[in-house]
Amino acid sequence: MESAEIVARITPIVREVFDDESIVVDRQLTAADVDGWDSLNHIRLIVSVERAFGLKFTALETGKLKNVGEFVD
């Protein structure tokens, strides 16, 4: 699956977790760019993406993520 396809699948998840349909998700998006992106919502996002894609991230992997692009990769 290509990066753009993954971003397209993650976009509705991000919007649902943060309850904001106006969020524009791209590879450069960071937690600082989204109101309400705190540690609890970060975990909610990770779990939602894991469910949607059928995969599991380690705590080490999620702790190193700096932006959506790294998440997608």
Protein backbone atom coordinates (compact mmCIF):
# COMPACT_ATOMS: atom_id res chain seq x y z
CA MET A 1 0.00 0.00 0.00
CA GLU A 2 1.34 3.41 -0.93
CA SER A 3 1.85 6.27 1.49
CA ALA A 4 -0.99 8.36 0.03
CA GLU A 5 -3.40 5.44 0.41
CA ILE A 6 -2.42 4.97 4.04
CA VAL A 7 -2.83 8.68 4.79
CA ALA A 8 -6.27 8.53 3.14
CA ARG A 9 -7.25 5.61 5.42
CA ILE A 10 -5.84 7.30 8.52
CA THR A 11 -7.58 10.64 7.89
CA PRO A 12 -11.08 9.59 9.02
CA ILE A 13 -9.57 7.86 12.06
CA VAL A 14 -7.72 11.01 13.11
CA ARG A 15 -10.82 13.12 12.57
CA GLU A 16 -12.93 10.73 14.67
CA VAL A 17 -10.44 10.45 17.54
CA PHE A 18 -10.10 14.23 17.80
CA ASP A 19 -13.74 14.91 16.88
CA ASP A 20 -12.71 17.43 14.24
CA GLU A 21 -13.70 16.97 10.59
CA SER A 22 -11.55 19.93 9.54
CA ILE A 23 -8.21 18.26 10.32
CA VAL A 24 -6.08 17.98 7.20
CA VAL A 25 -3.90 14.91 7.57
CA ASP A 26 -0.60 14.85 5.72
CA ARG A 27 2.83 13.39 6.36
CA GLN A 28 4.03 16.51 8.20
CA LEU A 29 1.13 16.64 10.70
CA THR A 30 2.30 16.53 14.34
CA ALA A 31 0.59 16.45 17.72
CA ALA A 32 1.35 20.16 18.12
CA ASP A 33 -0.81 20.85 15.05
CA VAL A 34 -3.99 19.34 16.54
CA ASP A 35 -5.96 20.78 19.44
CA GLY A 36 -6.54 18.12 22.07
CA TRP A 37 -3.74 15.81 20.98
CA ASP A 38 -2.65 14.72 24.42
CA SER A 39 -1.28 11.41 25.69
CA LEU A 40 -4.73 9.83 26.09
CA ASN A 41 -5.82 10.76 22.57
CA HIS A 42 -2.45 9.60 21.26
CA ILE A 43 -3.14 6.14 22.68
CA ARG A 44 -6.70 6.21 21.30
CA LEU A 45 -5.28 7.06 17.87
CA ILE A 46 -2.70 4.27 18.01
CA VAL A 47 -5.30 1.69 19.06
CA SER A 48 -7.75 2.84 16.38
CA VAL A 49 -5.11 2.61 13.66
CA GLU A 50 -3.97 -0.80 14.92
CA ARG A 51 -7.56 -2.08 14.66
CA ALA A 52 -8.13 -0.57 11.23
CA PHE A 53 -4.94 -2.01 9.76
CA GLY A 54 -4.78 -5.25 11.75
CA LEU A 55 -1.35 -4.61 13.24
CA LYS A 56 0.30 -3.90 16.58
CA PHE A 57 2.85 -1.21 17.46
CA THR A 58 5.29 -1.54 20.33
CA ALA A 59 5.60 1.17 22.96
CA LEU A 60 9.10 1.88 21.64
CA GLU A 61 7.78 2.39 18.10
CA THR A 62 4.99 4.73 19.17
CA GLY A 63 7.32 6.71 21.44
CA LYS A 64 9.64 7.53 18.54
CA LEU A 65 6.97 8.88 16.17
CA LYS A 66 7.45 12.55 15.37
CA ASN A 67 4.78 13.02 12.68
CA VAL A 68 2.16 11.22 10.64
CA GLY A 69 4.72 10.45 7.93
CA GLU A 70 6.78 8.37 10.36
CA PHE A 71 3.59 6.68 11.53
CA VAL A 72 2.68 5.81 7.94
CA ASP A 73 6.15 4.46 7.18
